[in-house]
Amino acid sequence: MPGAARADAQADARNVIESQIEAFLSDDAAAAYSFAAPAIKEIYPDEARFFDMVKRGYQPVYRPGNFAFGRSKAGDDGARIVQEVIIQGPDGQDWTALYSLERQPDGSFKINGVQMIKAAAPQT
């Protein structure tokens, strides 16, 4: 995948993630659910179940204090992207969220999963 196309795909992926986080912050379950990939929608077949799962299991994503985009890696074909997001949870704990996104038949990216990694406590 050429560099410019890869940069565009990575920018699109970041826009999807940011839009979903904004939907969570606004308690807009329908909008947040719209960014989920079909495989996620198979597991959580309605927006209420999806939203509840995120509230219970992904508090830093649901209510981030701050977040910033880190590294990203696109597959050679541009169909998959892993985007690192550094997130401060509502309790002040820092996390790294690794978002997996897949390009859909319409060309858009959808979130196919998020792996949360708790940041190590600073050494004193």
PDB file of N, CA and C in Angstrom:
ATOM      1  N   MET A   1       0.851  -1.178   0.000  1.00  0.00           N
ATOM      2  CA  MET A   1       0.000   0.000   0.000  1.00  0.00           C
ATOM      3  C   MET A   1       0.894   1.237   0.000  1.00  0.00           C
ATOM      4  N   PRO A   2       0.707   2.156  -0.950  1.00  0.00           N
ATOM      5  CA  PRO A   2       1.524   3.368  -1.009  1.00  0.00           C
ATOM      6  C   PRO A   2       1.385   4.209   0.264  1.00  0.00           C
ATOM      7  N   GLY A   3       2.441   4.980   0.557  1.00  0.00           N
ATOM      8  CA  GLY A   3       2.480   5.759   1.788  1.00  0.00           C
ATOM      9  C   GLY A   3       1.318   6.724   1.959  1.00  0.00           C
ATOM     10  N   ALA A   4       0.932   7.433   0.908  1.00  0.00           N
ATOM     11  CA  ALA A   4      -0.163   8.406   1.014  1.00  0.00           C
ATOM     12  C   ALA A   4      -1.484   7.704   1.306  1.00  0.00           C
ATOM     13  N   ALA A   5      -1.719   6.577   0.662  1.00  0.00           N
ATOM     14  CA  ALA A   5      -2.957   5.823   0.909  1.00  0.00           C
ATOM     15  C   ALA A   5      -2.967   5.278   2.331  1.00  0.00           C
ATOM     16  N   ARG A   6      -1.803   4.823   2.804  1.00  0.00           N
ATOM     17  CA  ARG A   6      -1.707   4.319   4.177  1.00  0.00           C
ATOM     18  C   ARG A   6      -1.992   5.446   5.170  1.00  0.00           C
ATOM     19  N   ALA A   7      -1.448   6.639   4.927  1.00  0.00           N
ATOM     20  CA  ALA A   7      -1.687   7.780   5.817  1.00  0.00           C
ATOM     21  C   ALA A   7      -3.165   8.147   5.833  1.00  0.00           C
ATOM     22  N   ASP A   8      -3.811   8.121   4.666  1.00  0.00           N
ATOM     23  CA  ASP A   8      -5.244   8.410   4.601  1.00  0.00           C
ATOM     24  C   ASP A   8      -6.049   7.377   5.383  1.00  0.00           C
ATOM     25  N   ALA A   9      -5.689   6.104   5.237  1.00  0.00           N
ATOM     26  CA  ALA A   9      -6.393   5.038   5.947  1.00  0.00           C
ATOM     27  C   ALA A   9      -6.214   5.195   7.454  1.00  0.00           C
ATOM     28  N   GLN A  10      -5.009   5.540   7.874  1.00  0.00           N
ATOM     29  CA  GLN A  10      -4.762   5.726   9.303  1.00  0.00           C
ATOM     30  C   GLN A  10      -5.527   6.930   9.834  1.00  0.00           C
ATOM     31  N   ALA A  11      -5.616   8.001   9.065  1.00  0.00           N
ATOM     32  CA  ALA A  11      -6.407   9.168   9.473  1.00  0.00           C
ATOM     33  C   ALA A  11      -7.886   8.799   9.570  1.00  0.00           C
ATOM     34  N   ASP A  12      -8.375   8.009   8.611  1.00  0.00           N
ATOM     35  CA  ASP A  12      -9.771   7.553   8.666  1.00  0.00           C
ATOM     36  C   ASP A  12     -10.016   6.729   9.924  1.00  0.00           C
ATOM     37  N   ALA A  13      -9.082   5.836  10.249  1.00  0.00           N
ATOM     38  CA  ALA A  13      -9.227   4.993  11.444  1.00  0.00           C
ATOM     39  C   ALA A  13      -9.253   5.850  12.710  1.00  0.00           C
ATOM     40  N   ARG A  14      -8.386   6.826  12.792  1.00  0.00           N
ATOM     41  CA  ARG A  14      -8.377   7.718  13.969  1.00  0.00           C
ATOM     42  C   ARG A  14      -9.692   8.489  14.075  1.00  0.00           C
ATOM     43  N   ASN A  15     -10.236   8.921  12.949  1.00  0.00           N
ATOM     44  CA  ASN A  15     -11.526   9.629  12.965  1.00  0.00           C
ATOM     45  C   ASN A  15     -12.639   8.737  13.496  1.00  0.00           C
ATOM     46  N   VAL A  16     -12.638   7.460  13.113  1.00  0.00           N
ATOM     47  CA  VAL A  16     -13.652   6.518  13.595  1.00  0.00           C
ATOM     48  C   VAL A  16     -13.540   6.355  15.108  1.00  0.00           C
ATOM     49  N   ILE A  17     -12.323   6.168  15.591  1.00  0.00           N
ATOM     50  CA  ILE A  17     -12.110   5.987  17.036  1.00  0.00           C
ATOM     51  C   ILE A  17     -12.551   7.234  17.791  1.00  0.00           C
ATOM     52  N   GLU A  18     -12.119   8.388  17.341  1.00  0.00           N
ATOM     53  CA  GLU A  18     -12.476   9.642  18.015  1.00  0.00           C
ATOM     54  C   GLU A  18     -13.987   9.850  18.006  1.00  0.00           C
ATOM     55  N   SER A  19     -14.630   9.540  16.895  1.00  0.00           N
ATOM     56  CA  SER A  19     -16.087   9.687  16.806  1.00  0.00           C
ATOM     57  C   SER A  19     -16.794   8.743  17.774  1.00  0.00           C
ATOM     58  N   GLN A  20     -16.286   7.519  17.916  1.00  0.00           N
ATOM     59  CA  GLN A  20     -16.922   6.595  18.844  1.00  0.00           C
ATOM     60  C   GLN A  20     -16.730   7.068  20.291  1.00  0.00           C
ATOM     61  N   ILE A  21     -15.538   7.540  20.626  1.00  0.00           N
ATOM     62  CA  ILE A  21     -15.303   8.044  21.984  1.00  0.00           C
ATOM     63  C   ILE A  21     -16.223   9.232  22.267  1.00  0.00           C
ATOM     64  N   GLU A  22     -16.379  10.129  21.307  1.00  0.00           N
ATOM     65  CA  GLU A  22     -17.291  11.266  21.482  1.00  0.00           C
ATOM     66  C   GLU A  22     -18.726  10.788  21.696  1.00  0.00           C
ATOM     67  N   ALA A  23     -19.123   9.728  20.991  1.00  0.00           N
ATOM     68  CA  ALA A  23     -20.469   9.170  21.176  1.00  0.00           C
ATOM     69  C   ALA A  23     -20.623   8.608  22.586  1.00  0.00           C
ATOM     70  N   PHE A  24     -19.591   7.932  23.088  1.00  0.00           N
ATOM     71  CA  PHE A  24     -19.651   7.427  24.466  1.00  0.00           C
ATOM     72  C   PHE A  24     -19.793   8.585  25.457  1.00  0.00           C
ATOM     73  N   LEU A  25     -19.003   9.628  25.256  1.00  0.00           N
ATOM     74  CA  LEU A  25     -19.055  10.776  26.163  1.00  0.00           C
ATOM     75  C   LEU A  25     -20.411  11.469  26.138  1.00  0.00           C
ATOM     76  N   SER A  26     -21.114  11.363  25.013  1.00  0.00           N
ATOM     77  CA  SER A  26     -22.444  11.959  24.883  1.00  0.00           C
ATOM     78  C   SER A  26     -23.571  10.984  25.224  1.00  0.00           C
ATOM     79  N   ASP A  27     -23.197   9.768  25.672  1.00  0.00           N
ATOM     80  CA  ASP A  27     -24.178   8.705  25.948  1.00  0.00           C
ATOM     81  C   ASP A  27     -25.070   8.433  24.735  1.00  0.00           C
ATOM     82  N   ASP A  28     -24.484   8.503  23.549  1.00  0.00           N
ATOM     83  CA  ASP A  28     -25.204   8.239  22.310  1.00  0.00           C
ATOM     84  C   ASP A  28     -24.921   6.800  21.876  1.00  0.00           C
ATOM     85  N   ALA A  29     -25.710   5.870  22.404  1.00  0.00           N
ATOM     86  CA  ALA A  29     -25.494   4.444  22.157  1.00  0.00           C
ATOM     87  C   ALA A  29     -25.588   4.116  20.671  1.00  0.00           C
ATOM     88  N   ALA A  30     -26.548   4.707  19.968  1.00  0.00           N
ATOM     89  CA  ALA A  30     -26.730   4.410  18.548  1.00  0.00           C
ATOM     90  C   ALA A  30     -25.501   4.812  17.737  1.00  0.00           C
ATOM     91  N   ALA A  31     -24.977   5.988  18.002  1.00  0.00           N
ATOM     92  CA  ALA A  31     -23.797   6.447  17.270  1.00  0.00           C
ATOM     93  C   ALA A  31     -22.587   5.581  17.611  1.00  0.00           C
ATOM     94  N   ALA A  32     -22.383   5.281  18.897  1.00  0.00           N
ATOM     95  CA  ALA A  32     -21.244   4.448  19.303  1.00  0.00           C
ATOM     96  C   ALA A  32     -21.317   3.077  18.634  1.00  0.00           C
ATOM     97  N   TYR A  33     -22.498   2.502  18.607  1.00  0.00           N
ATOM     98  CA  TYR A  33     -22.707   1.175  18.018  1.00  0.00           C
ATOM     99  C   TYR A  33     -22.464   1.191  16.509  1.00  0.00           C
ATOM    100  N   SER A  34     -22.719   2.319  15.874  1.00  0.00           N
ATOM    101  CA  SER A  34     -22.565   2.404  14.415  1.00  0.00           C
ATOM    102  C   SER A  34     -21.112   2.221  13.971  1.00  0.00           C
ATOM    103  N   PHE A  35     -20.161   2.401  14.872  1.00  0.00           N
ATOM    104  CA  PHE A  35     -18.743   2.261  14.532  1.00  0.00           C
ATOM    105  C   PHE A  35     -18.224   0.846  14.790  1.00  0.00           C
ATOM    106  N   ALA A  36     -19.076  -0.050  15.301  1.00  0.00           N
ATOM    107  CA  ALA A  36     -18.679  -1.434  15.569  1.00  0.00           C
ATOM    108  C   ALA A  36     -18.723  -2.258  14.288  1.00  0.00           C
ATOM    109  N   ALA A  37     -17.734  -3.127  14.124  1.00  0.00           N
ATOM    110  CA  ALA A  37     -17.668  -4.011  12.956  1.00  0.00           C
ATOM    111  C   ALA A  37     -18.745  -5.090  13.052  1.00  0.00           C
ATOM    112  N   PRO A  38     -19.090  -5.691  11.919  1.00  0.00           N
ATOM    113  CA  PRO A  38     -20.117  -6.743  11.925  1.00  0.00           C
ATOM    114  C   PRO A  38     -19.847  -7.882  12.918  1.00  0.00           C
ATOM    115  N   ALA A  39     -18.590  -8.272  13.098  1.00  0.00           N
ATOM    116  CA  ALA A  39     -18.284  -9.354  14.045  1.00  0.00           C
ATOM    117  C   ALA A  39     -18.658  -8.963  15.477  1.00  0.00           C
ATOM    118  N   ILE A  40     -18.490  -7.712  15.833  1.00  0.00           N
ATOM    119  CA  ILE A  40     -18.878  -7.227  17.165  1.00  0.00           C
ATOM    120  C   ILE A  40     -20.397  -7.194  17.265  1.00  0.00           C
ATOM    121  N   LYS A  41     -21.050  -6.776  16.201  1.00  0.00           N
ATOM    122  CA  LYS A  41     -22.515  -6.717  16.212  1.00  0.00           C
ATOM    123  C   LYS A  41     -23.138  -8.112  16.280  1.00  0.00           C
ATOM    124  N   GLU A  42     -22.420  -9.132  15.822  1.00  0.00           N
ATOM    125  CA  GLU A  42     -22.912 -10.502  15.983  1.00  0.00           C
ATOM    126  C   GLU A  42     -22.911 -10.909  17.452  1.00  0.00           C
ATOM    127  N   ILE A  43     -21.886 -10.492  18.172  1.00  0.00           N
ATOM    128  CA  ILE A  43     -21.773 -10.816  19.597  1.00  0.00           C
ATOM    129  C   ILE A  43     -22.758  -9.985  20.418  1.00  0.00           C
ATOM    130  N   TYR A  44     -22.898  -8.717  20.063  1.00  0.00           N
ATOM    131  CA  TYR A  44     -23.792  -7.778  20.756  1.00  0.00           C
ATOM    132  C   TYR A  44     -24.812  -7.292  19.728  1.00  0.00           C
ATOM    133  N   PRO A  45     -25.920  -8.024  19.568  1.00  0.00           N
ATOM    134  CA  PRO A  45     -26.840  -7.758  18.459  1.00  0.00           C
ATOM    135  C   PRO A  45     -27.692  -6.491  18.578  1.00  0.00           C
ATOM    136  N   ASP A  46     -27.587  -5.777  19.695  1.00  0.00           N
ATOM    137  CA  ASP A  46     -28.293  -4.493  19.772  1.00  0.00           C
ATOM    138  C   ASP A  46     -27.436  -3.484  20.519  1.00  0.00           C
ATOM    139  N   GLU A  47     -27.731  -2.225  20.274  1.00  0.00           N
ATOM    140  CA  GLU A  47     -26.893  -1.160  20.833  1.00  0.00           C
ATOM    141  C   GLU A  47     -26.909  -1.112  22.350  1.00  0.00           C
ATOM    142  N   ALA A  48     -28.010  -1.483  22.976  1.00  0.00           N
ATOM    143  CA  ALA A  48     -28.082  -1.453  24.448  1.00  0.00           C
ATOM    144  C   ALA A  48     -27.105  -2.450  25.062  1.00  0.00           C
ATOM    145  N   ARG A  49     -27.054  -3.660  24.522  1.00  0.00           N
ATOM    146  CA  ARG A  49     -26.111  -4.674  25.041  1.00  0.00           C
ATOM    147  C   ARG A  49     -24.669  -4.233  24.809  1.00  0.00           C
ATOM    148  N   PHE A  50     -24.419  -3.692  23.636  1.00  0.00           N
ATOM    149  CA  PHE A  50     -23.083  -3.211  23.311  1.00  0.00           C
ATOM    150  C   PHE A  50     -22.671  -2.095  24.279  1.00  0.00           C
ATOM    151  N   PHE A  51     -23.546  -1.138  24.461  1.00  0.00           N
ATOM    152  CA  PHE A  51     -23.253   0.009  25.323  1.00  0.00           C
ATOM    153  C   PHE A  51     -23.015  -0.447  26.757  1.00  0.00           C
ATOM    154  N   ASP A  52     -23.816  -1.393  27.240  1.00  0.00           N
ATOM    155  CA  ASP A  52     -23.651  -1.921  28.592  1.00  0.00           C
ATOM    156  C   ASP A  52     -22.305  -2.621  28.743  1.00  0.00           C
ATOM    157  N   MET A  53     -21.913  -3.407  27.739  1.00  0.00           N
ATOM    158  CA  MET A  53     -20.626  -4.093  27.771  1.00  0.00           C
ATOM    159  C   MET A  53     -19.483  -3.088  27.866  1.00  0.00           C
ATOM    160  N   VAL A  54     -19.550  -2.024  27.102  1.00  0.00           N
ATOM    161  CA  VAL A  54     -18.486  -1.018  27.132  1.00  0.00           C
ATOM    162  C   VAL A  54     -18.459  -0.332  28.495  1.00  0.00           C
ATOM    163  N   LYS A  55     -19.616   0.041  29.022  1.00  0.00           N
ATOM    164  CA  LYS A  55     -19.680   0.688  30.343  1.00  0.00           C
ATOM    165  C   LYS A  55     -19.051  -0.183  31.422  1.00  0.00           C
ATOM    166  N   ARG A  56     -19.358  -1.488  31.387  1.00  0.00           N
ATOM    167  CA  ARG A  56     -18.870  -2.399  32.427  1.00  0.00           C
ATOM    168  C   ARG A  56     -17.401  -2.788  32.241  1.00  0.00           C
ATOM    169  N   GLY A  57     -16.989  -3.027  31.004  1.00  0.00           N
ATOM    170  CA  GLY A  57     -15.671  -3.588  30.783  1.00  0.00           C
ATOM    171  C   GLY A  57     -14.611  -2.662  30.225  1.00  0.00           C
ATOM    172  N   TYR A  58     -15.017  -1.481  29.780  1.00  0.00           N
ATOM    173  CA  TYR A  58     -14.079  -0.583  29.118  1.00  0.00           C
ATOM    174  C   TYR A  58     -14.265   0.854  29.616  1.00  0.00           C
ATOM    175  N   GLN A  59     -14.274   1.030  30.927  1.00  0.00           N
ATOM    176  CA  GLN A  59     -14.493   2.362  31.514  1.00  0.00           C
ATOM    177  C   GLN A  59     -13.559   3.430  30.950  1.00  0.00           C
ATOM    178  N   PRO A  60     -12.264   3.150  30.751  1.00  0.00           N
ATOM    179  CA  PRO A  60     -11.393   4.196  30.202  1.00  0.00           C
ATOM    180  C   PRO A  60     -11.821   4.658  28.803  1.00  0.00           C
ATOM    181  N   VAL A  61     -12.398   3.764  28.010  1.00  0.00           N
ATOM    182  CA  VAL A  61     -12.884   4.130  26.678  1.00  0.00           C
ATOM    183  C   VAL A  61     -14.226   4.844  26.792  1.00  0.00           C
ATOM    184  N   TYR A  62     -15.057   4.379  27.715  1.00  0.00           N
ATOM    185  CA  TYR A  62     -16.391   4.950  27.906  1.00  0.00           C
ATOM    186  C   TYR A  62     -16.320   6.368  28.479  1.00  0.00           C
ATOM    187  N   ARG A  63     -15.429   6.585  29.415  1.00  0.00           N
ATOM    188  CA  ARG A  63     -15.301   7.898  30.067  1.00  0.00           C
ATOM    189  C   ARG A  63     -13.836   8.304  30.217  1.00  0.00           C
ATOM    190  N   PRO A  64     -13.169   8.564  29.090  1.00  0.00           N
ATOM    191  CA  PRO A  64     -11.761   8.941  29.187  1.00  0.00           C
ATOM    192  C   PRO A  64     -11.592  10.330  29.790  1.00  0.00           C
ATOM    193  N   GLY A  65     -10.524  10.479  30.577  1.00  0.00           N
ATOM    194  CA  GLY A  65     -10.162  11.814  31.041  1.00  0.00           C
ATOM    195  C   GLY A  65      -9.508  12.562  29.891  1.00  0.00           C
ATOM    196  N   ASN A  66      -8.481  11.974  29.350  1.00  0.00           N
ATOM    197  CA  ASN A  66      -7.763  12.485  28.183  1.00  0.00           C
ATOM    198  C   ASN A  66      -7.417  11.297  27.317  1.00  0.00           C
ATOM    199  N   PHE A  67      -7.189  11.555  26.043  1.00  0.00           N
ATOM    200  CA  PHE A  67      -6.677  10.491  25.190  1.00  0.00           C
ATOM    201  C   PHE A  67      -5.851  11.107  24.069  1.00  0.00           C
ATOM    202  N   ALA A  68      -4.904  10.324  23.594  1.00  0.00           N
ATOM    203  CA  ALA A  68      -4.040  10.755  22.498  1.00  0.00           C
ATOM    204  C   ALA A  68      -3.704   9.538  21.645  1.00  0.00           C
ATOM    205  N   PHE A  69      -3.550   9.770  20.368  1.00  0.00           N
ATOM    206  CA  PHE A  69      -3.214   8.684  19.458  1.00  0.00           C
ATOM    207  C   PHE A  69      -1.719   8.428  19.478  1.00  0.00           C
ATOM    208  N   GLY A  70      -1.380   7.162  19.525  1.00  0.00           N
ATOM    209  CA  GLY A  70       0.017   6.740  19.460  1.00  0.00           C
ATOM    210  C   GLY A  70       0.314   6.149  18.095  1.00  0.00           C
ATOM    211  N   ARG A  71       1.096   5.093  18.109  1.00  0.00           N
ATOM    212  CA  ARG A  71       1.508   4.444  16.863  1.00  0.00           C
ATOM    213  C   ARG A  71       0.338   3.730  16.194  1.00  0.00           C
ATOM    214  N   SER A  72       0.464   3.534  14.899  1.00  0.00           N
ATOM    215  CA  SER A  72      -0.516   2.735  14.185  1.00  0.00           C
ATOM    216  C   SER A  72       0.217   1.853  13.192  1.00  0.00           C
ATOM    217  N   LYS A  73      -0.422   0.755  12.873  1.00  0.00           N
ATOM    218  CA  LYS A  73       0.169  -0.186  11.920  1.00  0.00           C
ATOM    219  C   LYS A  73      -0.932  -0.640  10.981  1.00  0.00           C
ATOM    220  N   ALA A  74      -0.686  -0.447   9.701  1.00  0.00           N
ATOM    221  CA  ALA A  74      -1.642  -0.869   8.682  1.00  0.00           C
ATOM    222  C   ALA A  74      -1.126  -2.125   8.008  1.00  0.00           C
ATOM    223  N   GLY A  75      -2.040  -3.032   7.717  1.00  0.00           N
ATOM    224  CA  GLY A  75      -1.681  -4.209   6.947  1.00  0.00           C
ATOM    225  C   GLY A  75      -1.269  -3.802   5.549  1.00  0.00           C
ATOM    226  N   ASP A  76      -0.523  -4.668   4.875  1.00  0.00           N
ATOM    227  CA  ASP A  76      -0.033  -4.349   3.527  1.00  0.00           C
ATOM    228  C   ASP A  76      -1.165  -4.035   2.554  1.00  0.00           C
ATOM    229  N   ASP A  77      -2.317  -4.673   2.750  1.00  0.00           N
ATOM    230  CA  ASP A  77      -3.431  -4.442   1.834  1.00  0.00           C
ATOM    231  C   ASP A  77      -4.313  -3.264   2.252  1.00  0.00           C
ATOM    232  N   GLY A  78      -4.030  -2.676   3.424  1.00  0.00           N
ATOM    233  CA  GLY A  78      -4.802  -1.536   3.899  1.00  0.00           C
ATOM    234  C   GLY A  78      -6.167  -1.882   4.455  1.00  0.00           C
ATOM    235  N   ALA A  79      -6.473  -3.179   4.559  1.00  0.00           N
ATOM    236  CA  ALA A  79      -7.796  -3.596   5.030  1.00  0.00           C
ATOM    237  C   ALA A  79      -7.879  -3.659   6.548  1.00  0.00           C
ATOM    238  N   ARG A  80      -6.738  -3.679   7.215  1.00  0.00           N
ATOM    239  CA  ARG A  80      -6.722  -3.759   8.677  1.00  0.00           C
ATOM    240  C   ARG A  80      -5.733  -2.730   9.233  1.00  0.00           C
ATOM    241  N   ILE A  81      -6.124  -2.136  10.337  1.00  0.00           N
ATOM    242  CA  ILE A  81      -5.260  -1.179  11.026  1.00  0.00           C
ATOM    243  C   ILE A  81      -5.342  -1.467  12.521  1.00  0.00           C
ATOM    244  N   VAL A  82      -4.192  -1.406  13.177  1.00  0.00           N
ATOM    245  CA  VAL A  82      -4.149  -1.423  14.635  1.00  0.00           C
ATOM    246  C   VAL A  82      -3.671  -0.040  15.059  1.00  0.00           C
ATOM    247  N   GLN A  83      -4.484   0.625  15.870  1.00  0.00           N
ATOM    248  CA  GLN A  83      -4.194   1.987  16.309  1.00  0.00           C
ATOM    249  C   GLN A  83      -4.055   2.004  17.826  1.00  0.00           C
ATOM    250  N   GLU A  84      -2.935   2.517  18.293  1.00  0.00           N
ATOM    251  CA  GLU A  84      -2.686   2.663  19.722  1.00  0.00           C
ATOM    252  C   GLU A  84      -3.299   3.984  20.188  1.00  0.00           C
ATOM    253  N   VAL A  85      -4.027   3.925  21.304  1.00  0.00           N
ATOM    254  CA  VAL A  85      -4.598   5.126  21.898  1.00  0.00           C
ATOM    255  C   VAL A  85      -4.208   5.124  23.377  1.00  0.00           C
ATOM    256  N   ILE A  86      -3.566   6.194  23.804  1.00  0.00           N
ATOM    257  CA  ILE A  86      -3.194   6.351  25.204  1.00  0.00           C
ATOM    258  C   ILE A  86      -4.358   7.063  25.877  1.00  0.00           C
ATOM    259  N   ILE A  87      -4.915   6.417  26.903  1.00  0.00           N
ATOM    260  CA  ILE A  87      -6.133   6.923  27.545  1.00  0.00           C
ATOM    261  C   ILE A  87      -5.920   7.037  29.047  1.00  0.00           C
ATOM    262  N   GLN A  88      -6.394   8.140  29.603  1.00  0.00           N
ATOM    263  CA  GLN A  88      -6.465   8.266  31.054  1.00  0.00           C
ATOM    264  C   GLN A  88      -7.903   7.968  31.455  1.00  0.00           C
ATOM    265  N   GLY A  89      -8.073   6.945  32.281  1.00  0.00           N
ATOM    266  CA  GLY A  89      -9.406   6.565  32.720  1.00  0.00           C
ATOM    267  C   GLY A  89      -9.994   7.576  33.688  1.00  0.00           C
ATOM    268  N   PRO A  90     -11.278   7.413  34.012  1.00  0.00           N
ATOM    269  CA  PRO A  90     -11.945   8.359  34.905  1.00  0.00           C
ATOM    270  C   PRO A  90     -11.336   8.382  36.307  1.00  0.00           C
ATOM    271  N   ASP A  91     -10.610   7.317  36.678  1.00  0.00           N
ATOM    272  CA  ASP A  91      -9.966   7.257  37.988  1.00  0.00           C
ATOM    273  C   ASP A  91      -8.533   7.774  37.966  1.00  0.00           C
ATOM    274  N   GLY A  92      -8.072   8.288  36.795  1.00  0.00           N
ATOM    275  CA  GLY A  92      -6.723   8.814  36.663  1.00  0.00           C
ATOM    276  C   GLY A  92      -5.703   7.776  36.210  1.00  0.00           C
ATOM    277  N   GLN A  93      -6.091   6.508  36.162  1.00  0.00           N
ATOM    278  CA  GLN A  93      -5.194   5.437  35.715  1.00  0.00           C
ATOM    279  C   GLN A  93      -4.953   5.551  34.211  1.00  0.00           C
ATOM    280  N   ASP A  94      -3.710   5.391  33.801  1.00  0.00           N
ATOM    281  CA  ASP A  94      -3.367   5.425  32.383  1.00  0.00           C
ATOM    282  C   ASP A  94      -3.466   4.035  31.770  1.00  0.00           C
ATOM    283  N   TRP A  95      -3.917   3.996  30.535  1.00  0.00           N
ATOM    284  CA  TRP A  95      -4.099   2.752  29.783  1.00  0.00           C
ATOM    285  C   TRP A  95      -3.610   2.953  28.357  1.00  0.00           C
ATOM    286  N   THR A  96      -3.259   1.848  27.724  1.00  0.00           N
ATOM    287  CA  THR A  96      -3.068   1.822  26.279  1.00  0.00           C
ATOM    288  C   THR A  96      -4.189   0.970  25.722  1.00  0.00           C
ATOM    289  N   ALA A  97      -4.928   1.537  24.803  1.00  0.00           N
ATOM    290  CA  ALA A  97      -5.991   0.800  24.125  1.00  0.00           C
ATOM    291  C   ALA A  97      -5.507   0.518  22.704  1.00  0.00           C
ATOM    292  N   LEU A  98      -5.479  -0.762  22.351  1.00  0.00           N
ATOM    293  CA  LEU A  98      -5.100  -1.155  20.998  1.00  0.00           C
ATOM    294  C   LEU A  98      -6.372  -1.460  20.219  1.00  0.00           C
ATOM    295  N   TYR A  99      -6.730  -0.557  19.350  1.00  0.00           N
ATOM    296  CA  TYR A  99      -7.940  -0.691  18.528  1.00  0.00           C
ATOM    297  C   TYR A  99      -7.607  -1.464  17.257  1.00  0.00           C
ATOM    298  N   SER A 100      -8.404  -2.465  16.956  1.00  0.00           N
ATOM    299  CA  SER A 100      -8.309  -3.173  15.678  1.00  0.00           C
ATOM    300  C   SER A 100      -9.470  -2.705  14.815  1.00  0.00           C
ATOM    301  N   LEU A 101      -9.150  -2.253  13.626  1.00  0.00           N
ATOM    302  CA  LEU A 101     -10.175  -1.781  12.693  1.00  0.00           C
ATOM    303  C   LEU A 101     -10.062  -2.544  11.383  1.00  0.00           C
ATOM    304  N   GLU A 102     -11.211  -2.756  10.749  1.00  0.00           N
ATOM    305  CA  GLU A 102     -11.261  -3.445   9.459  1.00  0.00           C
ATOM    306  C   GLU A 102     -11.993  -2.574   8.450  1.00  0.00           C
ATOM    307  N   ARG A 103     -11.446  -2.564   7.237  1.00  0.00           N
ATOM    308  CA  ARG A 103     -12.118  -1.848   6.153  1.00  0.00           C
ATOM    309  C   ARG A 103     -13.340  -2.659   5.726  1.00  0.00           C
ATOM    310  N   GLN A 104     -14.451  -1.977   5.550  1.00  0.00           N
ATOM    311  CA  GLN A 104     -15.705  -2.603   5.155  1.00  0.00           C
ATOM    312  C   GLN A 104     -15.875  -2.530   3.631  1.00  0.00           C
ATOM    313  N   PRO A 105     -16.801  -3.306   3.081  1.00  0.00           N
ATOM    314  CA  PRO A 105     -17.010  -3.278   1.624  1.00  0.00           C
ATOM    315  C   PRO A 105     -17.291  -1.878   1.067  1.00  0.00           C
ATOM    316  N   ASP A 106     -17.884  -0.999   1.892  1.00  0.00           N
ATOM    317  CA  ASP A 106     -18.165   0.363   1.419  1.00  0.00           C
ATOM    318  C   ASP A 106     -16.949   1.292   1.524  1.00  0.00           C
ATOM    319  N   GLY A 107     -15.812   0.747   2.015  1.00  0.00           N
ATOM    320  CA  GLY A 107     -14.585   1.536   2.128  1.00  0.00           C
ATOM    321  C   GLY A 107     -14.358   2.147   3.495  1.00  0.00           C
ATOM    322  N   SER A 108     -15.372   2.157   4.351  1.00  0.00           N
ATOM    323  CA  SER A 108     -15.230   2.726   5.693  1.00  0.00           C
ATOM    324  C   SER A 108     -14.487   1.747   6.605  1.00  0.00           C
ATOM    325  N   PHE A 109     -13.999   2.255   7.715  1.00  0.00           N
ATOM    326  CA  PHE A 109     -13.406   1.406   8.747  1.00  0.00           C
ATOM    327  C   PHE A 109     -14.392   1.247   9.888  1.00  0.00           C
ATOM    328  N   LYS A 110     -14.413   0.052  10.472  1.00  0.00           N
ATOM    329  CA  LYS A 110     -15.224  -0.233  11.658  1.00  0.00           C
ATOM    330  C   LYS A 110     -14.312  -0.877  12.702  1.00  0.00           C
ATOM    331  N   ILE A 111     -14.645  -0.671  13.969  1.00  0.00           N
ATOM    332  CA  ILE A 111     -13.844  -1.185  15.073  1.00  0.00           C
ATOM    333  C   ILE A 111     -14.207  -2.644  15.315  1.00  0.00           C
ATOM    334  N   ASN A 112     -13.193  -3.495  15.239  1.00  0.00           N
ATOM    335  CA  ASN A 112     -13.388  -4.933  15.380  1.00  0.00           C
ATOM    336  C   ASN A 112     -12.960  -5.443  16.755  1.00  0.00           C
ATOM    337  N   GLY A 113     -12.409  -4.593  17.586  1.00  0.00           N
ATOM    338  CA  GLY A 113     -12.006  -5.007  18.929  1.00  0.00           C
ATOM    339  C   GLY A 113     -11.085  -3.976  19.547  1.00  0.00           C
ATOM    340  N   VAL A 114     -11.008  -4.028  20.875  1.00  0.00           N
ATOM    341  CA  VAL A 114     -10.123  -3.148  21.629  1.00  0.00           C
ATOM    342  C   VAL A 114      -9.476  -3.972  22.731  1.00  0.00           C
ATOM    343  N   GLN A 115      -8.163  -3.936  22.769  1.00  0.00           N
ATOM    344  CA  GLN A 115      -7.424  -4.601  23.844  1.00  0.00           C
ATOM    345  C   GLN A 115      -6.918  -3.521  24.788  1.00  0.00           C
ATOM    346  N   MET A 116      -7.245  -3.651  26.077  1.00  0.00           N
ATOM    347  CA  MET A 116      -6.840  -2.666  27.080  1.00  0.00           C
ATOM    348  C   MET A 116      -5.611  -3.171  27.832  1.00  0.00           C
ATOM    349  N   ILE A 117      -4.587  -2.320  27.939  1.00  0.00           N
ATOM    350  CA  ILE A 117      -3.366  -2.652  28.654  1.00  0.00           C
ATOM    351  C   ILE A 117      -3.140  -1.570  29.704  1.00  0.00           C
ATOM    352  N   LYS A 118      -3.153  -1.984  30.961  1.00  0.00           N
ATOM    353  CA  LYS A 118      -2.970  -1.031  32.064  1.00  0.00           C
ATOM    354  C   LYS A 118      -1.512  -0.595  32.102  1.00  0.00           C
ATOM    355  N   ALA A 119      -1.291   0.711  32.209  1.00  0.00           N
ATOM    356  CA  ALA A 119       0.074   1.249  32.281  1.00  0.00           C
ATOM    357  C   ALA A 119       0.673   0.902  33.642  1.00  0.00           C
ATOM    358  N   ALA A 120       1.947   0.631  33.615  1.00  0.00           N
ATOM    359  CA  ALA A 120       2.654   0.324  34.862  1.00  0.00           C
ATOM    360  C   ALA A 120       2.691   1.577  35.733  1.00  0.00           C
ATOM    361  N   ALA A 121       2.623   1.379  37.034  1.00  0.00           N
ATOM    362  CA  ALA A 121       2.723   2.504  37.956  1.00  0.00           C
ATOM    363  C   ALA A 121       4.133   3.081  37.894  1.00  0.00           C
ATOM    364  N   PRO A 122       4.235   4.405  37.930  1.00  0.00           N
ATOM    365  CA  PRO A 122       5.575   5.002  37.875  1.00  0.00           C
ATOM    366  C   PRO A 122       6.405   4.593  39.089  1.00  0.00           C
ATOM    367  N   GLN A 123       7.679   4.381  38.854  1.00  0.00           N
ATOM    368  CA  GLN A 123       8.609   4.015  39.935  1.00  0.00           C
ATOM    369  C   GLN A 123       8.925   5.259  40.776  1.00  0.00           C
ATOM    370  N   THR A 124       8.876   5.106  42.076  1.00  0.00           N
ATOM    371  CA  THR A 124       9.199   6.241  42.954  1.00  0.00           C
ATOM    372  C   THR A 124      10.419   5.959  43.779  1.00  0.00           C
TER     373      THR A 124
END
